[in-house]
Structures are given as C-alpha cells and as structure tokens.
C-alpha atoms as a PDB file:
ATOM      1  CA  MET A   1     -33.152 -41.795 -19.953  1.00  0.00           C
ATOM      2  CA  ALA A   2     -33.886 -40.915 -23.523  1.00  0.00           C
ATOM      3  CA  THR A   3     -37.102 -41.920 -25.064  1.00  0.00           C
ATOM      4  CA  ASP A   4     -37.546 -43.181 -28.800  1.00  0.00           C
ATOM      5  CA  TYR A   5     -40.917 -41.813 -29.810  1.00  0.00           C
ATOM      6  CA  ASP A   6     -40.805 -43.751 -33.046  1.00  0.00           C
ATOM      7  CA  ALA A   7     -40.774 -47.056 -31.417  1.00  0.00           C
ATOM      8  CA  PRO A   8     -43.893 -48.796 -31.199  1.00  0.00           C
ATOM      9  CA  ARG A   9     -45.446 -48.551 -27.704  1.00  0.00           C
ATOM     10  CA  LYS A  10     -47.694 -51.605 -27.589  1.00  0.00           C
ATOM     11  CA  THR A  11     -47.474 -53.455 -24.542  1.00  0.00           C
ATOM     12  CA  GLU A  12     -49.092 -56.736 -23.380  1.00  0.00           C
ATOM     13  CA  ASP A  13     -52.044 -54.598 -21.888  1.00  0.00           C
ATOM     14  CA  ASP A  14     -52.642 -52.994 -25.031  1.00  0.00           C
ATOM     15  CA  SER A  15     -52.989 -56.198 -27.276  1.00  0.00           C
ATOM     16  CA  GLU A  16     -57.116 -56.328 -26.577  1.00  0.00           C
ATOM     17  CA  SER A  17     -59.242 -56.903 -29.719  1.00  0.00           C
ATOM     18  CA  ILE A  18     -61.516 -54.325 -30.948  1.00  0.00           C
ATOM     19  CA  GLU A  19     -64.336 -57.115 -30.106  1.00  0.00           C
ATOM     20  CA  ALA A  20     -63.326 -57.109 -26.512  1.00  0.00           C
ATOM     21  CA  LEU A  21     -63.264 -53.321 -26.403  1.00  0.00           C
ATOM     22  CA  LYS A  22     -66.718 -53.017 -27.615  1.00  0.00           C
ATOM     23  CA  GLU A  23     -67.945 -55.628 -24.917  1.00  0.00           C
ATOM     24  CA  ARG A  24     -66.763 -53.358 -22.175  1.00  0.00           C
ATOM     25  CA  VAL A  25     -68.114 -50.038 -23.863  1.00  0.00           C
ATOM     26  CA  PRO A  26     -71.860 -49.643 -23.314  1.00  0.00           C
ATOM     27  CA  ASP A  27     -73.452 -49.107 -26.951  1.00  0.00           C
ATOM     28  CA  LYS A  28     -74.877 -45.579 -27.299  1.00  0.00           C
ATOM     29  CA  LEU A  29     -76.914 -46.498 -30.323  1.00  0.00           C
ATOM     30  CA  SER A  30     -78.664 -49.650 -28.903  1.00  0.00           C
ATOM     31  CA  GLY A  31     -82.161 -48.201 -29.902  1.00  0.00           C
ATOM     32  CA  ALA A  32     -83.137 -47.073 -26.345  1.00  0.00           C
ATOM     33  CA  VAL A  33     -84.889 -43.595 -26.748  1.00  0.00           C
ATOM     34  CA  ASP A  34     -84.807 -41.161 -24.172  1.00  0.00           C
ATOM     35  CA  VAL A  35     -88.628 -40.118 -24.622  1.00  0.00           C
ATOM     36  CA  GLU A  36     -87.978 -37.269 -21.899  1.00  0.00           C
ATOM     37  CA  ASP A  37     -85.795 -35.045 -24.200  1.00  0.00           C
ATOM     38  CA  ALA A  38     -85.837 -31.741 -22.817  1.00  0.00           C
ATOM     39  CA  ASP A  39     -84.643 -30.416 -26.116  1.00  0.00           C
ATOM     40  CA  ASN A  40     -87.596 -31.712 -27.945  1.00  0.00           C
ATOM     41  CA  PRO A  41     -90.571 -31.710 -25.680  1.00  0.00           C
ATOM     42  CA  SER A  42     -93.266 -31.988 -28.365  1.00  0.00           C
ATOM     43  CA  GLY A  43     -91.904 -35.566 -29.874  1.00  0.00           C
ATOM     44  CA  PHE A  44     -89.483 -36.485 -32.576  1.00  0.00           C
ATOM     45  CA  GLU A  45     -90.009 -34.805 -36.049  1.00  0.00           C
ATOM     46  CA  LEU A  46     -88.603 -36.805 -38.892  1.00  0.00           C
ATOM     47  CA  PRO A  47     -86.850 -35.069 -41.579  1.00  0.00           C
ATOM     48  CA  GLY A  48     -89.032 -34.176 -44.524  1.00  0.00           C
ATOM     49  CA  ALA A  49     -92.223 -34.103 -42.391  1.00  0.00           C
ATOM     50  CA  ASP A  50     -95.093 -31.987 -43.074  1.00  0.00           C
ATOM     51  CA  LEU A  51     -95.315 -28.801 -41.417  1.00  0.00           C
ATOM     52  CA  SER A  52     -97.729 -26.807 -43.464  1.00  0.00           C
ATOM     53  CA  ASP A  53    -100.510 -26.713 -40.711  1.00  0.00           C
ATOM     54  CA  LEU A  54     -97.759 -25.603 -38.104  1.00  0.00           C
ATOM     55  CA  GLU A  55     -98.434 -21.858 -36.833  1.00  0.00           C
ATOM     56  CA  LEU A  56     -95.453 -20.018 -35.635  1.00  0.00           C
ATOM     57  CA  ASP A  57     -95.782 -17.037 -33.329  1.00  0.00           C
ATOM     58  CA  VAL A  58     -92.723 -14.871 -33.725  1.00  0.00           C
ATOM     59  CA  VAL A  59     -92.320 -11.119 -32.666  1.00  0.00           C
ATOM     60  CA  VAL A  60     -90.331  -9.325 -35.206  1.00  0.00           C
ATOM     61  CA  LEU A  61     -88.642  -6.150 -33.758  1.00  0.00           C
ATOM     62  CA  PRO A  62     -87.542  -3.313 -35.842  1.00  0.00           C
ATOM     63  CA  PRO A  63     -83.856  -2.419 -35.962  1.00  0.00           C
ATOM     64  CA  GLN A  64     -82.977  -0.807 -32.952  1.00  0.00           C
ATOM     65  CA  GLU A  65     -80.868   2.529 -32.720  1.00  0.00           C
ATOM     66  CA  ASP A  66     -77.792   1.062 -31.271  1.00  0.00           C
ATOM     67  CA  GLU A  67     -77.748  -1.784 -34.021  1.00  0.00           C
ATOM     68  CA  PHE A  68     -76.823  -2.318 -37.677  1.00  0.00           C
ATOM     69  CA  THR A  69     -76.713  -5.411 -40.334  1.00  0.00           C
ATOM     70  CA  CYS A  70     -73.477  -6.071 -41.839  1.00  0.00           C
ATOM     71  CA  SER A  71     -73.321  -6.203 -45.227  1.00  0.00           C
ATOM     72  CA  ASN A  72     -71.109  -9.298 -45.621  1.00  0.00           C
ATOM     73  CA  CYS A  73     -72.690 -11.860 -43.019  1.00  0.00           C
ATOM     74  CA  PHE A  74     -76.294 -10.156 -43.030  1.00  0.00           C
ATOM     75  CA  LEU A  75     -76.312 -10.548 -39.118  1.00  0.00           C
ATOM     76  CA  VAL A  76     -77.809  -7.817 -36.801  1.00  0.00           C
ATOM     77  CA  LYS A  77     -74.875  -6.634 -34.692  1.00  0.00           C
ATOM     78  CA  HIS A  78     -74.397  -3.847 -31.928  1.00  0.00           C
ATOM     79  CA  ARG A  79     -72.880  -0.728 -32.842  1.00  0.00           C
ATOM     80  CA  SER A  80     -69.805  -1.770 -30.638  1.00  0.00           C
ATOM     81  CA  GLN A  81     -69.138  -4.366 -33.187  1.00  0.00           C
ATOM     82  CA  LEU A  82     -68.921  -2.008 -36.266  1.00  0.00           C
ATOM     83  CA  ASP A  83     -65.430  -1.962 -38.060  1.00  0.00           C
ATOM     84  CA  HIS A  84     -65.986   0.528 -41.030  1.00  0.00           C
ATOM     85  CA  GLU A  85     -68.483   1.475 -43.637  1.00  0.00           C
ATOM     86  CA  THR A  86     -68.124   0.115 -47.121  1.00  0.00           C
ATOM     87  CA  PRO A  87     -69.923   1.167 -50.152  1.00  0.00           C
ATOM     88  CA  ASP A  88     -72.132  -1.606 -49.549  1.00  0.00           C
ATOM     89  CA  GLY A  89     -72.958  -0.572 -46.183  1.00  0.00           C
ATOM     90  CA  PRO A  90     -71.699  -1.317 -42.557  1.00  0.00           C
ATOM     91  CA  MET A  91     -69.212  -4.181 -41.981  1.00  0.00           C
ATOM     92  CA  CYS A  92     -68.609  -5.677 -38.638  1.00  0.00           C
ATOM     93  CA  ARG A  93     -65.212  -6.688 -37.062  1.00  0.00           C
ATOM     94  CA  GLU A  94     -65.638 -10.296 -37.665  1.00  0.00           C
ATOM     95  CA  CYS A  95     -66.233  -9.897 -41.307  1.00  0.00           C
ATOM     96  CA  SER A  96     -63.564  -7.346 -41.761  1.00  0.00           C
ATOM     97  CA  ALA A  97     -60.665  -9.467 -40.002  1.00  0.00           C
END
C-alpha cells in the first residue's frame, strides 16, 4: 500500500488541545527549587553578584614538555594533537581542519 506523506496525518486521537496537553505534563518551571543541587553546593549565585571578597585557590602548572599552545584557539594540547607549525606558532589538528 502506498503512503502519501504529504497528506495530513491528524486523527481523532491527535485533536487534543494544547491546554489538555499542558495539564498532563508536569510543569518543570513551577517554582520548586531543588536545594540539594550537587552542581552548586554553596547555594545560588545571582548574575552580577559581588564576588570581590571571594578568594580562589588555583594551582597553575608550567607548560609540560609534551604540550603546546595552539596559535589559533590558544588551548594547551598534547603533542599528539600537533598538526603543523605556522609562522605564528604551532597549530592543532582541530584548527587546521
């Protein structure tokens, strides 16, 4: 049997209104906030919050012998990702593609 893909496919079951569909699906933006957020254990920070008193502890390692910084994307990559050298510096495989 041939199928006409251009023909409307609306059946009696598909004729529910958008309001009926909204009633069946729980509202994910209902205002209920999960306070046990594992991604943000210290609480919620608002955009534009004053973070001037926040002190960060970051250990910066010097470049390793088997790493290079791509001259195009400026990411530190392993030597196995080196594609070629340019006059500006080394370029990774992703940037040269």
